[in-house]
Amino acid sequence: MAKTTFITSHRMRVKKANETIKNLPERISVFDREAYVEFFLLEDIVRLYDYRLKNERAKKVETRAGQLAKDRNIEKFTAIIRIFKSAIEVAWGEITSGNYKAVWKAIREGALMSAAGSLKNLPVLRDMAVELLKELSEEALKATGESGALEESLDDMEAHEANVRKVRGLPSVEEINAVIREVEAAIPDEQPKSKLKPNI
């Protein structure tokens, strides 16, 4: 039986991106195509952790200690899935509105691939996901401000950004912060600094 590859290669994701954008009404530059390529990496990571979560839930345990360990892993995997799904929703909102730079600038492809490939790097993956979501959110709000809110008063800016998020179907700042708090609580820092950490 062939081994399933959850984290696909850059080349495979480029191929998928080319197939996705070839029928779009606008031309997408090679740089902006990377937004799709890196977006597909986020989907790969969710698929991998969905698989790990399914296996963990199916695992048979006979002791209280084993059940506690199983429950903890389920909590961790669920938190990782949730934060990456939030990042996917924000990233897709930016892609469909043409703000490709926000996506390819925020996603550190190589470091994410390395962190996702090993369970021992779970705290590192958590930190990278948190930073990714924060950067996507800030970049999205920055683009919103540049496109239409520059002449509004500071008092109106927050309401304007919240309204734009609602219209574009993006999570609110409060929802994003709630997801971040959840994943940070579920996956504490459990290991010394990783070589991947400086890339965040």
C-alpha atoms as a PDB file:
ATOM      1  CA  MET A   1       0.000   0.000   0.000  1.00  0.00           C
ATOM      2  CA  ALA A   2       1.465   3.366  -1.073  1.00  0.00           C
ATOM      3  CA  LYS A   3       2.259   5.881   1.625  1.00  0.00           C
ATOM      4  CA  THR A   4      -0.004   8.953   1.606  1.00  0.00           C
ATOM      5  CA  THR A   5       1.835  12.256   1.243  1.00  0.00           C
ATOM      6  CA  PHE A   6       0.004  14.922   3.199  1.00  0.00           C
ATOM      7  CA  ILE A   7       2.480  17.780   2.763  1.00  0.00           C
ATOM      8  CA  THR A   8       2.833  18.029  -0.994  1.00  0.00           C
ATOM      9  CA  SER A   9       5.971  19.356  -2.679  1.00  0.00           C
ATOM     10  CA  HIS A  10       6.324  22.942  -3.856  1.00  0.00           C
ATOM     11  CA  ARG A  11       6.299  21.651  -7.444  1.00  0.00           C
ATOM     12  CA  MET A  12       2.989  19.828  -6.930  1.00  0.00           C
ATOM     13  CA  ARG A  13       1.419  22.918  -5.404  1.00  0.00           C
ATOM     14  CA  VAL A  14       2.688  25.095  -8.278  1.00  0.00           C
ATOM     15  CA  LYS A  15       1.005  22.684 -10.682  1.00  0.00           C
ATOM     16  CA  LYS A  16      -2.242  22.887  -8.707  1.00  0.00           C
ATOM     17  CA  ALA A  17      -2.007  26.696  -8.605  1.00  0.00           C
ATOM     18  CA  ASN A  18      -1.494  26.869 -12.381  1.00  0.00           C
ATOM     19  CA  GLU A  19      -4.585  24.706 -12.900  1.00  0.00           C
ATOM     20  CA  THR A  20      -6.566  26.905 -10.520  1.00  0.00           C
ATOM     21  CA  ILE A  21      -5.657  30.258 -12.071  1.00  0.00           C
ATOM     22  CA  LYS A  22      -5.684  29.344 -15.761  1.00  0.00           C
ATOM     23  CA  ASN A  23      -9.442  29.986 -16.007  1.00  0.00           C
ATOM     24  CA  LEU A  24      -9.486  33.194 -13.971  1.00  0.00           C
ATOM     25  CA  PRO A  25     -10.603  36.353 -15.805  1.00  0.00           C
ATOM     26  CA  GLU A  26      -7.471  38.270 -14.741  1.00  0.00           C
ATOM     27  CA  ARG A  27      -3.799  37.567 -15.308  1.00  0.00           C
ATOM     28  CA  ILE A  28      -1.866  36.494 -12.201  1.00  0.00           C
ATOM     29  CA  SER A  29       1.857  37.239 -11.978  1.00  0.00           C
ATOM     30  CA  VAL A  30       4.386  34.589 -10.953  1.00  0.00           C
ATOM     31  CA  PHE A  31       4.841  36.409  -7.631  1.00  0.00           C
ATOM     32  CA  ASP A  32       1.112  36.522  -6.941  1.00  0.00           C
ATOM     33  CA  ARG A  33       0.728  32.881  -7.979  1.00  0.00           C
ATOM     34  CA  GLU A  34       2.754  32.105  -4.820  1.00  0.00           C
ATOM     35  CA  ALA A  35      -0.271  33.175  -2.778  1.00  0.00           C
ATOM     36  CA  TYR A  36      -2.120  30.150  -4.173  1.00  0.00           C
ATOM     37  CA  VAL A  37       0.914  27.856  -3.812  1.00  0.00           C
ATOM     38  CA  GLU A  38       1.338  28.756  -0.139  1.00  0.00           C
ATOM     39  CA  PHE A  39      -2.399  28.724   0.514  1.00  0.00           C
ATOM     40  CA  PHE A  40      -2.443  25.080  -0.620  1.00  0.00           C
ATOM     41  CA  LEU A  41       0.287  24.365   1.958  1.00  0.00           C
ATOM     42  CA  LEU A  42      -2.077  25.528   4.714  1.00  0.00           C
ATOM     43  CA  GLU A  43      -4.677  23.089   3.371  1.00  0.00           C
ATOM     44  CA  ASP A  44      -2.054  20.319   3.395  1.00  0.00           C
ATOM     45  CA  ILE A  45      -1.270  20.994   7.057  1.00  0.00           C
ATOM     46  CA  VAL A  46      -4.957  20.818   8.000  1.00  0.00           C
ATOM     47  CA  ARG A  47      -5.311  17.541   6.092  1.00  0.00           C
ATOM     48  CA  LEU A  48      -2.286  16.104   7.945  1.00  0.00           C
ATOM     49  CA  TYR A  49      -3.622  17.081  11.375  1.00  0.00           C
ATOM     50  CA  ASP A  50      -7.137  15.873  10.515  1.00  0.00           C
ATOM     51  CA  TYR A  51      -5.502  12.491   9.847  1.00  0.00           C
ATOM     52  CA  ARG A  52      -3.520  12.595  13.104  1.00  0.00           C
ATOM     53  CA  LEU A  53      -6.632  13.620  15.053  1.00  0.00           C
ATOM     54  CA  LYS A  54      -8.670  10.780  13.528  1.00  0.00           C
ATOM     55  CA  ASN A  55      -5.975   8.252  14.461  1.00  0.00           C
ATOM     56  CA  GLU A  56      -5.678   9.620  17.986  1.00  0.00           C
ATOM     57  CA  ARG A  57      -9.428   9.390  18.542  1.00  0.00           C
ATOM     58  CA  ALA A  58      -9.413   5.777  17.300  1.00  0.00           C
ATOM     59  CA  LYS A  59      -6.496   4.761  19.529  1.00  0.00           C
ATOM     60  CA  LYS A  60      -7.365   2.179  22.176  1.00  0.00           C
ATOM     61  CA  VAL A  61      -6.173   2.939  25.707  1.00  0.00           C
ATOM     62  CA  GLU A  62      -6.615   0.888  28.873  1.00  0.00           C
ATOM     63  CA  THR A  63      -5.299   3.102  31.655  1.00  0.00           C
ATOM     64  CA  ARG A  64      -6.223   6.463  33.108  1.00  0.00           C
ATOM     65  CA  ALA A  65      -2.766   7.809  32.241  1.00  0.00           C
ATOM     66  CA  GLY A  66      -3.197   6.623  28.672  1.00  0.00           C
ATOM     67  CA  GLN A  67      -6.613   8.291  28.432  1.00  0.00           C
ATOM     68  CA  LEU A  68      -5.220  11.565  29.775  1.00  0.00           C
ATOM     69  CA  ALA A  69      -2.404  11.483  27.203  1.00  0.00           C
ATOM     70  CA  LYS A  70      -4.891  10.703  24.443  1.00  0.00           C
ATOM     71  CA  ASP A  71      -7.215  13.541  25.512  1.00  0.00           C
ATOM     72  CA  ARG A  72      -4.288  15.964  25.595  1.00  0.00           C
ATOM     73  CA  ASN A  73      -3.204  15.018  22.087  1.00  0.00           C
ATOM     74  CA  ILE A  74      -6.757  15.400  20.812  1.00  0.00           C
ATOM     75  CA  GLU A  75      -6.870  18.870  22.356  1.00  0.00           C
ATOM     76  CA  LYS A  76      -3.546  19.842  20.752  1.00  0.00           C
ATOM     77  CA  PHE A  77      -4.419  18.545  17.289  1.00  0.00           C
ATOM     78  CA  THR A  78      -7.861  20.170  17.422  1.00  0.00           C
ATOM     79  CA  ALA A  79      -6.281  23.516  18.327  1.00  0.00           C
ATOM     80  CA  ILE A  80      -3.773  23.308  15.466  1.00  0.00           C
ATOM     81  CA  ILE A  81      -6.557  22.479  13.005  1.00  0.00           C
ATOM     82  CA  ARG A  82      -8.684  25.356  14.228  1.00  0.00           C
ATOM     83  CA  ILE A  83      -5.979  28.004  13.953  1.00  0.00           C
ATOM     84  CA  PHE A  84      -4.908  26.843  10.491  1.00  0.00           C
ATOM     85  CA  LYS A  85      -8.527  26.792   9.332  1.00  0.00           C
ATOM     86  CA  SER A  86      -8.827  30.382  10.551  1.00  0.00           C
ATOM     87  CA  ALA A  87      -5.664  31.276   8.616  1.00  0.00           C
ATOM     88  CA  ILE A  88      -7.119  29.557   5.531  1.00  0.00           C
ATOM     89  CA  GLU A  89     -10.319  31.599   5.771  1.00  0.00           C
ATOM     90  CA  VAL A  90      -8.433  34.891   6.135  1.00  0.00           C
ATOM     91  CA  ALA A  91      -5.957  33.991   3.379  1.00  0.00           C
ATOM     92  CA  TRP A  92      -8.709  32.980   0.968  1.00  0.00           C
ATOM     93  CA  GLY A  93     -10.535  36.235   1.679  1.00  0.00           C
ATOM     94  CA  GLU A  94      -7.394  38.129   0.706  1.00  0.00           C
ATOM     95  CA  ILE A  95      -6.825  36.027  -2.428  1.00  0.00           C
ATOM     96  CA  THR A  96     -10.378  36.504  -3.670  1.00  0.00           C
ATOM     97  CA  SER A  97     -10.098  40.261  -3.130  1.00  0.00           C
ATOM     98  CA  GLY A  98      -6.798  40.437  -5.044  1.00  0.00           C
ATOM     99  CA  ASN A  99      -4.576  41.135  -2.041  1.00  0.00           C
ATOM    100  CA  TYR A 100      -2.117  38.374  -2.984  1.00  0.00           C
ATOM    101  CA  LYS A 101       0.848  40.057  -1.316  1.00  0.00           C
ATOM    102  CA  ALA A 102      -0.747  39.722   2.130  1.00  0.00           C
ATOM    103  CA  VAL A 103      -0.771  35.943   1.657  1.00  0.00           C
ATOM    104  CA  TRP A 104       2.631  35.228   0.107  1.00  0.00           C
ATOM    105  CA  LYS A 105       4.289  37.688   2.477  1.00  0.00           C
ATOM    106  CA  ALA A 106       2.792  36.109   5.614  1.00  0.00           C
ATOM    107  CA  ILE A 107       3.319  32.403   4.852  1.00  0.00           C
ATOM    108  CA  ARG A 108       6.891  31.116   5.486  1.00  0.00           C
ATOM    109  CA  GLU A 109       6.656  28.106   3.236  1.00  0.00           C
ATOM    110  CA  GLY A 110       9.923  26.279   3.991  1.00  0.00           C
ATOM    111  CA  ALA A 111       9.763  26.724   7.753  1.00  0.00           C
ATOM    112  CA  LEU A 112       6.098  25.692   7.862  1.00  0.00           C
ATOM    113  CA  MET A 113       6.830  22.536   5.872  1.00  0.00           C
ATOM    114  CA  SER A 114       9.659  21.612   8.263  1.00  0.00           C
ATOM    115  CA  ALA A 115       7.628  22.316  11.396  1.00  0.00           C
ATOM    116  CA  ALA A 116       4.534  20.462  10.169  1.00  0.00           C
ATOM    117  CA  GLY A 117       6.488  17.330   9.332  1.00  0.00           C
ATOM    118  CA  SER A 118       7.377  16.381  12.909  1.00  0.00           C
ATOM    119  CA  LEU A 119       5.226  16.179  16.033  1.00  0.00           C
ATOM    120  CA  LYS A 120       8.175  17.247  18.202  1.00  0.00           C
ATOM    121  CA  ASN A 121       7.918  20.660  16.516  1.00  0.00           C
ATOM    122  CA  LEU A 122       4.276  21.144  17.530  1.00  0.00           C
ATOM    123  CA  PRO A 123       4.984  24.134  19.826  1.00  0.00           C
ATOM    124  CA  VAL A 124       7.012  25.726  17.011  1.00  0.00           C
ATOM    125  CA  LEU A 125       4.185  25.086  14.534  1.00  0.00           C
ATOM    126  CA  ARG A 126       1.771  26.664  17.002  1.00  0.00           C
ATOM    127  CA  ASP A 127       3.924  29.813  17.266  1.00  0.00           C
ATOM    128  CA  MET A 128       4.276  30.024  13.501  1.00  0.00           C
ATOM    129  CA  ALA A 129       0.507  29.651  13.034  1.00  0.00           C
ATOM    130  CA  VAL A 130      -0.165  32.415  15.569  1.00  0.00           C
ATOM    131  CA  GLU A 131       2.298  34.772  13.870  1.00  0.00           C
ATOM    132  CA  LEU A 132       0.903  33.863  10.452  1.00  0.00           C
ATOM    133  CA  LEU A 133      -2.655  34.669  11.502  1.00  0.00           C
ATOM    134  CA  LYS A 134      -1.614  37.921  13.150  1.00  0.00           C
ATOM    135  CA  GLU A 135       0.343  39.007  10.078  1.00  0.00           C
ATOM    136  CA  LEU A 136      -2.448  38.071   7.675  1.00  0.00           C
ATOM    137  CA  SER A 137      -4.901  40.029   9.792  1.00  0.00           C
ATOM    138  CA  GLU A 138      -2.696  43.117  10.102  1.00  0.00           C
ATOM    139  CA  GLU A 139      -1.834  43.062   6.400  1.00  0.00           C
ATOM    140  CA  ALA A 140      -5.511  42.727   5.532  1.00  0.00           C
ATOM    141  CA  LEU A 141      -6.443  45.669   7.717  1.00  0.00           C
ATOM    142  CA  LYS A 142      -3.579  47.707   6.257  1.00  0.00           C
ATOM    143  CA  ALA A 143      -4.817  47.004   2.720  1.00  0.00           C
ATOM    144  CA  THR A 144      -8.331  47.987   3.798  1.00  0.00           C
ATOM    145  CA  GLY A 145      -7.059  51.284   5.151  1.00  0.00           C
ATOM    146  CA  GLU A 146      -5.050  52.041   2.029  1.00  0.00           C
ATOM    147  CA  SER A 147      -7.943  51.299  -0.277  1.00  0.00           C
ATOM    148  CA  GLY A 148     -10.702  53.335   1.252  1.00  0.00           C
ATOM    149  CA  ALA A 149     -10.382  54.572   4.813  1.00  0.00           C
ATOM    150  CA  LEU A 150      -7.490  57.013   4.676  1.00  0.00           C
ATOM    151  CA  GLU A 151      -9.676  60.088   4.997  1.00  0.00           C
ATOM    152  CA  GLU A 152     -11.861  58.751   7.764  1.00  0.00           C
ATOM    153  CA  SER A 153     -11.419  59.850  11.351  1.00  0.00           C
ATOM    154  CA  LEU A 154      -9.610  57.532  13.764  1.00  0.00           C
ATOM    155  CA  ASP A 155     -12.867  57.013  15.636  1.00  0.00           C
ATOM    156  CA  ASP A 156     -14.504  55.621  12.508  1.00  0.00           C
ATOM    157  CA  MET A 157     -11.581  53.426  11.432  1.00  0.00           C
ATOM    158  CA  GLU A 158     -12.310  50.536  13.801  1.00  0.00           C
ATOM    159  CA  ALA A 159     -15.983  50.423  12.797  1.00  0.00           C
ATOM    160  CA  HIS A 160     -15.011  50.605   9.122  1.00  0.00           C
ATOM    161  CA  GLU A 161     -12.540  47.710   9.431  1.00  0.00           C
ATOM    162  CA  ALA A 162     -15.086  45.604  11.316  1.00  0.00           C
ATOM    163  CA  ASN A 163     -17.668  46.300   8.593  1.00  0.00           C
ATOM    164  CA  VAL A 164     -15.226  45.398   5.798  1.00  0.00           C
ATOM    165  CA  ARG A 165     -14.392  42.136   7.591  1.00  0.00           C
ATOM    166  CA  LYS A 166     -18.094  41.332   7.856  1.00  0.00           C
ATOM    167  CA  VAL A 167     -18.812  42.116   4.190  1.00  0.00           C
ATOM    168  CA  ARG A 168     -15.798  40.091   3.001  1.00  0.00           C
ATOM    169  CA  GLY A 169     -16.661  37.185   5.295  1.00  0.00           C
ATOM    170  CA  LEU A 170     -13.442  37.479   7.323  1.00  0.00           C
ATOM    171  CA  PRO A 171     -13.265  36.647  11.047  1.00  0.00           C
ATOM    172  CA  SER A 172     -13.391  39.628  13.403  1.00  0.00           C
ATOM    173  CA  VAL A 173     -10.333  40.664  15.388  1.00  0.00           C
ATOM    174  CA  GLU A 174     -12.033  39.277  18.498  1.00  0.00           C
ATOM    175  CA  GLU A 175     -12.615  35.901  16.805  1.00  0.00           C
ATOM    176  CA  ILE A 176      -8.995  35.730  15.657  1.00  0.00           C
ATOM    177  CA  ASN A 177      -7.736  36.569  19.149  1.00  0.00           C
ATOM    178  CA  ALA A 178     -10.021  33.897  20.641  1.00  0.00           C
ATOM    179  CA  VAL A 179      -8.558  31.252  18.316  1.00  0.00           C
ATOM    180  CA  ILE A 180      -5.023  32.382  19.165  1.00  0.00           C
ATOM    181  CA  ARG A 181      -5.734  32.149  22.909  1.00  0.00           C
ATOM    182  CA  GLU A 182      -7.195  28.669  22.436  1.00  0.00           C
ATOM    183  CA  VAL A 183      -4.199  27.287  20.557  1.00  0.00           C
ATOM    184  CA  GLU A 184      -1.711  28.880  22.975  1.00  0.00           C
ATOM    185  CA  ALA A 185      -3.538  27.288  25.903  1.00  0.00           C
ATOM    186  CA  ALA A 186      -3.748  23.879  24.232  1.00  0.00           C
ATOM    187  CA  ILE A 187      -0.102  23.734  23.131  1.00  0.00           C
ATOM    188  CA  PRO A 188       2.264  25.193  25.745  1.00  0.00           C
ATOM    189  CA  ASP A 189       5.972  25.695  25.141  1.00  0.00           C
ATOM    190  CA  GLU A 190       7.268  22.190  25.798  1.00  0.00           C
ATOM    191  CA  GLN A 191      10.777  22.194  24.361  1.00  0.00           C
ATOM    192  CA  PRO A 192      13.883  24.345  24.037  1.00  0.00           C
ATOM    193  CA  LYS A 193      14.233  26.751  21.141  1.00  0.00           C
ATOM    194  CA  SER A 194      14.112  25.123  17.741  1.00  0.00           C
ATOM    195  CA  LYS A 195      16.270  26.032  14.758  1.00  0.00           C
ATOM    196  CA  LEU A 196      12.994  26.905  13.054  1.00  0.00           C
ATOM    197  CA  LYS A 197      12.122  29.558  15.637  1.00  0.00           C
ATOM    198  CA  PRO A 198      14.226  32.432  14.233  1.00  0.00           C
ATOM    199  CA  ASN A 199      12.275  32.217  10.967  1.00  0.00           C
ATOM    200  CA  ILE A 200       9.086  33.351  12.650  1.00  0.00           C
END
